[in-house]
mmCIF file of all heavy atoms, coordinates in Angstrom:
data_MODEL
# 
_entry.id   MODEL 
# 
loop_
_atom_site.group_PDB 
_atom_site.id 
_atom_site.type_symbol 
_atom_site.label_atom_id 
_atom_site.label_alt_id 
_atom_site.label_comp_id 
_atom_site.label_asym_id 
_atom_site.label_entity_id 
_atom_site.label_seq_id 
_atom_site.pdbx_PDB_ins_code 
_atom_site.Cartn_x 
_atom_site.Cartn_y 
_atom_site.Cartn_z 
_atom_site.occupancy 
_atom_site.B_iso_or_equiv 
_atom_site.pdbx_formal_charge 
_atom_site.auth_seq_id 
_atom_site.auth_comp_id 
_atom_site.auth_asym_id 
_atom_site.auth_atom_id 
_atom_site.pdbx_PDB_model_num 
ATOM 1   N N   . THR A 1 1  ? -2.988  -9.766  6.509  1.00 0.00 ? 1  THR A N   1 
ATOM 2   C CA  . THR A 1 1  ? -2.178  -10.534 7.445  1.00 0.00 ? 1  THR A CA  1 
ATOM 3   C C   . THR A 1 1  ? -0.743  -10.107 7.283  1.00 0.00 ? 1  THR A C   1 
ATOM 4   O O   . THR A 1 1  ? -0.366  -9.393  6.352  1.00 0.00 ? 1  THR A O   1 
ATOM 5   C CB  . THR A 1 1  ? -2.297  -12.039 7.166  1.00 0.00 ? 1  THR A CB  1 
ATOM 6   O OG1 . THR A 1 1  ? -1.699  -12.301 5.884  1.00 0.00 ? 1  THR A OG1 1 
ATOM 7   C CG2 . THR A 1 1  ? -3.761  -12.489 7.133  1.00 0.00 ? 1  THR A CG2 1 
ATOM 8   N N   . SER A 1 2  ? 0.130   -10.568 8.196  1.00 0.00 ? 2  SER A N   1 
ATOM 9   C CA  . SER A 1 2  ? 1.541   -10.195 8.109  1.00 0.00 ? 2  SER A CA  1 
ATOM 10  C C   . SER A 1 2  ? 2.181   -10.740 6.856  1.00 0.00 ? 2  SER A C   1 
ATOM 11  O O   . SER A 1 2  ? 3.175   -10.230 6.373  1.00 0.00 ? 2  SER A O   1 
ATOM 12  C CB  . SER A 1 2  ? 2.276   -10.717 9.360  1.00 0.00 ? 2  SER A CB  1 
ATOM 13  O OG  . SER A 1 2  ? 2.106   -12.118 9.465  1.00 0.00 ? 2  SER A OG  1 
ATOM 14  N N   . ALA A 1 3  ? 1.595   -11.781 6.271  1.00 0.00 ? 3  ALA A N   1 
ATOM 15  C CA  . ALA A 1 3  ? 2.184   -12.366 5.074  1.00 0.00 ? 3  ALA A CA  1 
ATOM 16  C C   . ALA A 1 3  ? 1.866   -11.572 3.818  1.00 0.00 ? 3  ALA A C   1 
ATOM 17  O O   . ALA A 1 3  ? 2.642   -11.553 2.874  1.00 0.00 ? 3  ALA A O   1 
ATOM 18  C CB  . ALA A 1 3  ? 1.691   -13.808 4.916  1.00 0.00 ? 3  ALA A CB  1 
ATOM 19  N N   . ASP A 1 4  ? 0.705   -10.905 3.755  1.00 0.00 ? 4  ASP A N   1 
ATOM 20  C CA  . ASP A 1 4  ? 0.347   -10.225 2.520  1.00 0.00 ? 4  ASP A CA  1 
ATOM 21  C C   . ASP A 1 4  ? 0.288   -8.709  2.665  1.00 0.00 ? 4  ASP A C   1 
ATOM 22  O O   . ASP A 1 4  ? -0.056  -8.020  1.716  1.00 0.00 ? 4  ASP A O   1 
ATOM 23  C CB  . ASP A 1 4  ? -0.975  -10.765 1.978  1.00 0.00 ? 4  ASP A CB  1 
ATOM 24  C CG  . ASP A 1 4  ? -2.130  -10.567 2.942  1.00 0.00 ? 4  ASP A CG  1 
ATOM 25  O OD1 . ASP A 1 4  ? -2.054  -9.722  3.847  1.00 0.00 ? 4  ASP A OD1 1 
ATOM 26  O OD2 . ASP A 1 4  ? -3.118  -11.289 2.749  1.00 0.00 ? 4  ASP A OD2 1 
ATOM 27  N N   . SER A 1 5  ? 0.560   -8.160  3.850  1.00 0.00 ? 5  SER A N   1 
ATOM 28  C CA  . SER A 1 5  ? 0.591   -6.710  4.016  1.00 0.00 ? 5  SER A CA  1 
ATOM 29  C C   . SER A 1 5  ? 2.037   -6.249  3.904  1.00 0.00 ? 5  SER A C   1 
ATOM 30  O O   . SER A 1 5  ? 2.823   -6.404  4.820  1.00 0.00 ? 5  SER A O   1 
ATOM 31  C CB  . SER A 1 5  ? 0.026   -6.317  5.392  1.00 0.00 ? 5  SER A CB  1 
ATOM 32  O OG  . SER A 1 5  ? -1.315  -6.713  5.504  1.00 0.00 ? 5  SER A OG  1 
ATOM 33  N N   . THR A 1 6  ? 2.399   -5.709  2.771  1.00 0.00 ? 6  THR A N   1 
ATOM 34  C CA  . THR A 1 6  ? 3.788   -5.298  2.551  1.00 0.00 ? 6  THR A CA  1 
ATOM 35  C C   . THR A 1 6  ? 3.831   -3.882  2.032  1.00 0.00 ? 6  THR A C   1 
ATOM 36  O O   . THR A 1 6  ? 2.945   -3.417  1.341  1.00 0.00 ? 6  THR A O   1 
ATOM 37  C CB  . THR A 1 6  ? 4.468   -6.226  1.529  1.00 0.00 ? 6  THR A CB  1 
ATOM 38  O OG1 . THR A 1 6  ? 3.734   -6.158  0.317  1.00 0.00 ? 6  THR A OG1 1 
ATOM 39  C CG2 . THR A 1 6  ? 4.522   -7.660  2.023  1.00 0.00 ? 6  THR A CG2 1 
ATOM 40  N N   . THR A 1 7  ? 4.867   -3.180  2.409  1.00 0.00 ? 7  THR A N   1 
ATOM 41  C CA  . THR A 1 7  ? 5.154   -1.846  1.893  1.00 0.00 ? 7  THR A CA  1 
ATOM 42  C C   . THR A 1 7  ? 6.644   -1.791  1.583  1.00 0.00 ? 7  THR A C   1 
ATOM 43  O O   . THR A 1 7  ? 7.464   -1.917  2.475  1.00 0.00 ? 7  THR A O   1 
ATOM 44  C CB  . THR A 1 7  ? 4.800   -0.768  2.933  1.00 0.00 ? 7  THR A CB  1 
ATOM 45  O OG1 . THR A 1 7  ? 3.425   -0.916  3.288  1.00 0.00 ? 7  THR A OG1 1 
ATOM 46  C CG2 . THR A 1 7  ? 5.047   0.611   2.390  1.00 0.00 ? 7  THR A CG2 1 
ATOM 47  N N   . SER A 1 8  ? 6.935   -1.602  0.268  1.00 0.00 ? 8  SER A N   1 
ATOM 48  C CA  . SER A 1 8  ? 8.332   -1.548  -0.185 1.00 0.00 ? 8  SER A CA  1 
ATOM 49  C C   . SER A 1 8  ? 9.098   -2.767  0.271  1.00 0.00 ? 8  SER A C   1 
ATOM 50  O O   . SER A 1 8  ? 10.246  -2.689  0.702  1.00 0.00 ? 8  SER A O   1 
ATOM 51  C CB  . SER A 1 8  ? 9.025   -0.281  0.349  1.00 0.00 ? 8  SER A CB  1 
ATOM 52  O OG  . SER A 1 8  ? 8.341   0.879   -0.082 1.00 0.00 ? 8  SER A OG  1 
ATOM 53  N N   . GLY A 1 9  ? 8.436   -3.929  0.224  1.00 0.00 ? 9  GLY A N   1 
ATOM 54  C CA  . GLY A 1 9  ? 9.109   -5.176  0.546  1.00 0.00 ? 9  GLY A CA  1 
ATOM 55  C C   . GLY A 1 9  ? 9.244   -5.432  2.018  1.00 0.00 ? 9  GLY A C   1 
ATOM 56  O O   . GLY A 1 9  ? 9.810   -6.435  2.400  1.00 0.00 ? 9  GLY A O   1 
ATOM 57  N N   . THR A 1 10 ? 8.732   -4.552  2.883  1.00 0.00 ? 10 THR A N   1 
ATOM 58  C CA  . THR A 1 10 ? 8.864   -4.737  4.322  1.00 0.00 ? 10 THR A CA  1 
ATOM 59  C C   . THR A 1 10 ? 7.531   -5.142  4.909  1.00 0.00 ? 10 THR A C   1 
ATOM 60  O O   . THR A 1 10 ? 6.514   -4.495  4.665  1.00 0.00 ? 10 THR A O   1 
ATOM 61  C CB  . THR A 1 10 ? 9.343   -3.433  5.000  1.00 0.00 ? 10 THR A CB  1 
ATOM 62  O OG1 . THR A 1 10 ? 10.545  -3.040  4.385  1.00 0.00 ? 10 THR A OG1 1 
ATOM 63  C CG2 . THR A 1 10 ? 9.529   -3.658  6.492  1.00 0.00 ? 10 THR A CG2 1 
ATOM 64  N N   . SER A 1 11 ? 7.517   -6.223  5.649  1.00 0.00 ? 11 SER A N   1 
ATOM 65  C CA  . SER A 1 11 ? 6.275   -6.696  6.236  1.00 0.00 ? 11 SER A CA  1 
ATOM 66  C C   . SER A 1 11 ? 5.797   -5.735  7.313  1.00 0.00 ? 11 SER A C   1 
ATOM 67  O O   . SER A 1 11 ? 6.595   -5.233  8.104  1.00 0.00 ? 11 SER A O   1 
ATOM 68  C CB  . SER A 1 11 ? 6.468   -8.089  6.849  1.00 0.00 ? 11 SER A CB  1 
ATOM 69  O OG  . SER A 1 11 ? 6.786   -9.022  5.848  1.00 0.00 ? 11 SER A OG  1 
ATOM 70  N N   . SER A 1 12 ? 4.477   -5.480  7.303  1.00 0.00 ? 12 SER A N   1 
ATOM 71  C CA  . SER A 1 12 ? 3.866   -4.673  8.349  1.00 0.00 ? 12 SER A CA  1 
ATOM 72  C C   . SER A 1 12 ? 3.226   -5.602  9.363  1.00 0.00 ? 12 SER A C   1 
ATOM 73  O O   . SER A 1 12 ? 2.687   -6.649  9.004  1.00 0.00 ? 12 SER A O   1 
ATOM 74  C CB  . SER A 1 12 ? 2.795   -3.748  7.774  1.00 0.00 ? 12 SER A CB  1 
ATOM 75  O OG  . SER A 1 12 ? 3.373   -2.867  6.837  1.00 0.00 ? 12 SER A OG  1 
ATOM 76  N N   . PRO A 1 13 ? 3.249   -5.234  10.631 1.00 0.00 ? 13 PRO A N   1 
ATOM 77  C CA  . PRO A 1 13 ? 2.622   -6.107  11.627 1.00 0.00 ? 13 PRO A CA  1 
ATOM 78  C C   . PRO A 1 13 ? 1.114   -6.148  11.424 1.00 0.00 ? 13 PRO A C   1 
ATOM 79  O O   . PRO A 1 13 ? 0.499   -5.171  10.999 1.00 0.00 ? 13 PRO A O   1 
ATOM 80  C CB  . PRO A 1 13 ? 2.983   -5.432  12.954 1.00 0.00 ? 13 PRO A CB  1 
ATOM 81  C CG  . PRO A 1 13 ? 3.229   -4.000  12.602 1.00 0.00 ? 13 PRO A CG  1 
ATOM 82  C CD  . PRO A 1 13 ? 3.837   -4.028  11.232 1.00 0.00 ? 13 PRO A CD  1 
ATOM 83  N N   . ALA A 1 14 ? 0.523   -7.304  11.686 1.00 0.00 ? 14 ALA A N   1 
ATOM 84  C CA  . ALA A 1 14 ? -0.929  -7.434  11.578 1.00 0.00 ? 14 ALA A CA  1 
ATOM 85  C C   . ALA A 1 14 ? -1.594  -6.618  12.670 1.00 0.00 ? 14 ALA A C   1 
ATOM 86  O O   . ALA A 1 14 ? -1.049  -6.469  13.762 1.00 0.00 ? 14 ALA A O   1 
ATOM 87  C CB  . ALA A 1 14 ? -1.329  -8.905  11.722 1.00 0.00 ? 14 ALA A CB  1 
ATOM 88  N N   . PRO A 1 15 ? -2.746  -6.039  12.381 1.00 0.00 ? 15 PRO A N   1 
ATOM 89  C CA  . PRO A 1 15 ? -3.458  -5.314  13.430 1.00 0.00 ? 15 PRO A CA  1 
ATOM 90  C C   . PRO A 1 15 ? -3.857  -6.269  14.551 1.00 0.00 ? 15 PRO A C   1 
ATOM 91  O O   . PRO A 1 15 ? -4.046  -7.464  14.331 1.00 0.00 ? 15 PRO A O   1 
ATOM 92  C CB  . PRO A 1 15 ? -4.678  -4.753  12.704 1.00 0.00 ? 15 PRO A CB  1 
ATOM 93  C CG  . PRO A 1 15 ? -4.859  -5.619  11.505 1.00 0.00 ? 15 PRO A CG  1 
ATOM 94  C CD  . PRO A 1 15 ? -3.479  -6.055  11.108 1.00 0.00 ? 15 PRO A CD  1 
ATOM 95  N N   . PRO A 1 16 ? -3.972  -5.776  15.763 1.00 0.00 ? 16 PRO A N   1 
ATOM 96  C CA  . PRO A 1 16 ? -4.279  -6.659  16.883 1.00 0.00 ? 16 PRO A CA  1 
ATOM 97  C C   . PRO A 1 16 ? -5.692  -7.220  16.784 1.00 0.00 ? 16 PRO A C   1 
ATOM 98  O O   . PRO A 1 16 ? -6.588  -6.615  16.188 1.00 0.00 ? 16 PRO A O   1 
ATOM 99  C CB  . PRO A 1 16 ? -4.142  -5.738  18.101 1.00 0.00 ? 16 PRO A CB  1 
ATOM 100 C CG  . PRO A 1 16 ? -4.404  -4.371  17.559 1.00 0.00 ? 16 PRO A CG  1 
ATOM 101 C CD  . PRO A 1 16 ? -3.831  -4.379  16.166 1.00 0.00 ? 16 PRO A CD  1 
ATOM 102 N N   . VAL A 1 17 ? -5.883  -8.384  17.362 1.00 0.00 ? 17 VAL A N   1 
ATOM 103 C CA  . VAL A 1 17 ? -7.196  -9.010  17.436 1.00 0.00 ? 17 VAL A CA  1 
ATOM 104 C C   . VAL A 1 17 ? -7.800  -8.645  18.783 1.00 0.00 ? 17 VAL A C   1 
ATOM 105 O O   . VAL A 1 17 ? -7.241  -8.959  19.832 1.00 0.00 ? 17 VAL A O   1 
ATOM 106 C CB  . VAL A 1 17 ? -7.088  -10.538 17.285 1.00 0.00 ? 17 VAL A CB  1 
ATOM 107 C CG1 . VAL A 1 17 ? -8.451  -11.186 17.483 1.00 0.00 ? 17 VAL A CG1 1 
ATOM 108 C CG2 . VAL A 1 17 ? -6.514  -10.892 15.930 1.00 0.00 ? 17 VAL A CG2 1 
ATOM 109 N N   . ASP A 1 18 ? -8.931  -7.959  18.766 1.00 0.00 ? 18 ASP A N   1 
ATOM 110 C CA  . ASP A 1 18 ? -9.595  -7.532  19.996 1.00 0.00 ? 18 ASP A CA  1 
ATOM 111 C C   . ASP A 1 18 ? -10.757 -8.470  20.267 1.00 0.00 ? 18 ASP A C   1 
ATOM 112 O O   . ASP A 1 18 ? -11.885 -8.227  19.852 1.00 0.00 ? 18 ASP A O   1 
ATOM 113 C CB  . ASP A 1 18 ? -10.075 -6.086  19.869 1.00 0.00 ? 18 ASP A CB  1 
ATOM 114 C CG  . ASP A 1 18 ? -10.730 -5.579  21.149 1.00 0.00 ? 18 ASP A CG  1 
ATOM 115 O OD1 . ASP A 1 18 ? -10.696 -6.320  22.153 1.00 0.00 ? 18 ASP A OD1 1 
ATOM 116 O OD2 . ASP A 1 18 ? -11.275 -4.463  21.137 1.00 0.00 ? 18 ASP A OD2 1 
ATOM 117 N N   . SER A 1 19 ? -10.496 -9.572  20.979 1.00 0.00 ? 19 SER A N   1 
ATOM 118 C CA  . SER A 1 19 ? -11.544 -10.557 21.229 1.00 0.00 ? 19 SER A CA  1 
ATOM 119 C C   . SER A 1 19 ? -12.612 -10.019 22.168 1.00 0.00 ? 19 SER A C   1 
ATOM 120 O O   . SER A 1 19 ? -13.778 -10.417 22.095 1.00 0.00 ? 19 SER A O   1 
ATOM 121 C CB  . SER A 1 19 ? -10.942 -11.843 21.803 1.00 0.00 ? 19 SER A CB  1 
ATOM 122 O OG  . SER A 1 19 ? -10.284 -11.579 23.032 1.00 0.00 ? 19 SER A OG  1 
ATOM 123 N N   . THR A 1 20 ? -12.249 -9.100  23.061 1.00 0.00 ? 20 THR A N   1 
ATOM 124 C CA  . THR A 1 20 ? -13.233 -8.597  24.024 1.00 0.00 ? 20 THR A CA  1 
ATOM 125 C C   . THR A 1 20 ? -14.357 -7.832  23.334 1.00 0.00 ? 20 THR A C   1 
ATOM 126 O O   . THR A 1 20 ? -15.480 -7.776  23.842 1.00 0.00 ? 20 THR A O   1 
ATOM 127 C CB  . THR A 1 20 ? -12.566 -7.690  25.062 1.00 0.00 ? 20 THR A CB  1 
ATOM 128 O OG1 . THR A 1 20 ? -11.963 -6.575  24.394 1.00 0.00 ? 20 THR A OG1 1 
ATOM 129 C CG2 . THR A 1 20 ? -11.504 -8.446  25.839 1.00 0.00 ? 20 THR A CG2 1 
ATOM 130 N N   . ALA A 1 21 ? -14.065 -7.222  22.184 1.00 0.00 ? 21 ALA A N   1 
ATOM 131 C CA  . ALA A 1 21 ? -15.094 -6.454  21.483 1.00 0.00 ? 21 ALA A CA  1 
ATOM 132 C C   . ALA A 1 21 ? -16.217 -7.344  20.968 1.00 0.00 ? 21 ALA A C   1 
ATOM 133 O O   . ALA A 1 21 ? -17.349 -6.878  20.783 1.00 0.00 ? 21 ALA A O   1 
ATOM 134 C CB  . ALA A 1 21 ? -14.479 -5.676  20.323 1.00 0.00 ? 21 ALA A CB  1 
ATOM 135 N N   . LEU A 1 22 ? -15.923 -8.632  20.706 1.00 0.00 ? 22 LEU A N   1 
ATOM 136 C CA  . LEU A 1 22 ? -16.959 -9.565  20.281 1.00 0.00 ? 22 LEU A CA  1 
ATOM 137 C C   . LEU A 1 22 ? -17.610 -10.271 21.463 1.00 0.00 ? 22 LEU A C   1 
ATOM 138 O O   . LEU A 1 22 ? -18.702 -10.832 21.333 1.00 0.00 ? 22 LEU A O   1 
ATOM 139 C CB  . LEU A 1 22 ? -16.371 -10.618 19.335 1.00 0.00 ? 22 LEU A CB  1 
ATOM 140 C CG  . LEU A 1 22 ? -16.039 -10.177 17.907 1.00 0.00 ? 22 LEU A CG  1 
ATOM 141 C CD1 . LEU A 1 22 ? -15.529 -11.360 17.112 1.00 0.00 ? 22 LEU A CD1 1 
ATOM 142 C CD2 . LEU A 1 22 ? -17.250 -9.565  17.221 1.00 0.00 ? 22 LEU A CD2 1 
ATOM 143 N N   . GLU A 1 23 ? -16.928 -10.265 22.614 1.00 0.00 ? 23 GLU A N   1 
ATOM 144 C CA  . GLU A 1 23 ? -17.435 -10.999 23.784 1.00 0.00 ? 23 GLU A CA  1 
ATOM 145 C C   . GLU A 1 23 ? -18.312 -10.094 24.644 1.00 0.00 ? 23 GLU A C   1 
ATOM 146 O O   . GLU A 1 23 ? -18.129 -9.987  25.856 1.00 0.00 ? 23 GLU A O   1 
ATOM 147 C CB  . GLU A 1 23 ? -16.266 -11.568 24.574 1.00 0.00 ? 23 GLU A CB  1 
ATOM 148 C CG  . GLU A 1 23 ? -15.498 -12.631 23.805 1.00 0.00 ? 23 GLU A CG  1 
ATOM 149 C CD  . GLU A 1 23 ? -14.203 -13.045 24.473 1.00 0.00 ? 23 GLU A CD  1 
ATOM 150 O OE1 . GLU A 1 23 ? -13.856 -12.442 25.518 1.00 0.00 ? 23 GLU A OE1 1 
ATOM 151 O OE2 . GLU A 1 23 ? -13.527 -13.947 23.960 1.00 0.00 ? 23 GLU A OE2 1 
ATOM 152 N N   . ARG A 1 24 ? -19.276 -9.432  24.014 1.00 0.00 ? 24 ARG A N   1 
ATOM 153 C CA  . ARG A 1 24 ? -20.182 -8.539  24.726 1.00 0.00 ? 24 ARG A CA  1 
ATOM 154 C C   . ARG A 1 24 ? -21.636 -8.856  24.417 1.00 0.00 ? 24 ARG A C   1 
ATOM 155 O O   . ARG A 1 24 ? -22.535 -8.146  24.841 1.00 0.00 ? 24 ARG A O   1 
ATOM 156 C CB  . ARG A 1 24 ? -19.868 -7.089  24.341 1.00 0.00 ? 24 ARG A CB  1 
ATOM 157 C CG  . ARG A 1 24 ? -19.967 -6.810  22.859 1.00 0.00 ? 24 ARG A CG  1 
ATOM 158 C CD  . ARG A 1 24 ? -19.396 -5.458  22.462 1.00 0.00 ? 24 ARG A CD  1 
ATOM 159 N NE  . ARG A 1 24 ? -20.063 -4.339  23.085 1.00 0.00 ? 24 ARG A NE  1 
ATOM 160 C CZ  . ARG A 1 24 ? -19.473 -3.495  23.944 1.00 0.00 ? 24 ARG A CZ  1 
ATOM 161 N NH1 . ARG A 1 24 ? -18.190 -3.665  24.267 1.00 0.00 ? 24 ARG A NH1 1 
ATOM 162 N NH2 . ARG A 1 24 ? -20.127 -2.494  24.470 1.00 0.00 ? 24 ARG A NH2 1 
ATOM 163 N N   . VAL A 1 25 ? -21.856 -9.933  23.653 1.00 0.00 ? 25 VAL A N   1 
ATOM 164 C CA  . VAL A 1 25 ? -23.198 -10.241 23.167 1.00 0.00 ? 25 VAL A CA  1 
ATOM 165 C C   . VAL A 1 25 ? -23.982 -11.016 24.225 1.00 0.00 ? 25 VAL A C   1 
ATOM 166 O O   . VAL A 1 25 ? -23.474 -11.944 24.855 1.00 0.00 ? 25 VAL A O   1 
ATOM 167 C CB  . VAL A 1 25 ? -23.129 -11.046 21.859 1.00 0.00 ? 25 VAL A CB  1 
ATOM 168 C CG1 . VAL A 1 25 ? -24.533 -11.394 21.369 1.00 0.00 ? 25 VAL A CG1 1 
ATOM 169 C CG2 . VAL A 1 25 ? -22.372 -10.261 20.801 1.00 0.00 ? 25 VAL A CG2 1 
ATOM 170 N N   . VAL A 1 26 ? -25.223 -10.636 24.425 1.00 0.00 ? 26 VAL A N   1 
ATOM 171 C CA  . VAL A 1 26 ? -26.177 -11.339 25.276 1.00 0.00 ? 26 VAL A CA  1 
ATOM 172 C C   . VAL A 1 26 ? -27.426 -11.603 24.428 1.00 0.00 ? 26 VAL A C   1 
ATOM 173 O O   . VAL A 1 26 ? -27.958 -10.675 23.827 1.00 0.00 ? 26 VAL A O   1 
ATOM 174 C CB  . VAL A 1 26 ? -26.552 -10.491 26.514 1.00 0.00 ? 26 VAL A CB  1 
ATOM 175 C CG1 . VAL A 1 26 ? -27.582 -11.220 27.368 1.00 0.00 ? 26 VAL A CG1 1 
ATOM 176 C CG2 . VAL A 1 26 ? -25.322 -10.144 27.351 1.00 0.00 ? 26 VAL A CG2 1 
ATOM 177 N N   . PRO A 1 27 ? -27.890 -12.864 24.386 1.00 0.00 ? 27 PRO A N   1 
ATOM 178 C CA  . PRO A 1 27 ? -27.362 -14.083 24.979 1.00 0.00 ? 27 PRO A CA  1 
ATOM 179 C C   . PRO A 1 27 ? -26.023 -14.503 24.349 1.00 0.00 ? 27 PRO A C   1 
ATOM 180 O O   . PRO A 1 27 ? -25.732 -14.151 23.204 1.00 0.00 ? 27 PRO A O   1 
ATOM 181 C CB  . PRO A 1 27 ? -28.432 -15.125 24.677 1.00 0.00 ? 27 PRO A CB  1 
ATOM 182 C CG  . PRO A 1 27 ? -29.670 -14.367 24.359 1.00 0.00 ? 27 PRO A CG  1 
ATOM 183 C CD  . PRO A 1 27 ? -29.200 -13.106 23.714 1.00 0.00 ? 27 PRO A CD  1 
# 
């Protein structure tokens, strides 16, 4: 997460959440 991903004391942005990749299941 943005809170625990650090490099040299600088926060890295969290990777994006791709909800569409999970919204493909049938049923």
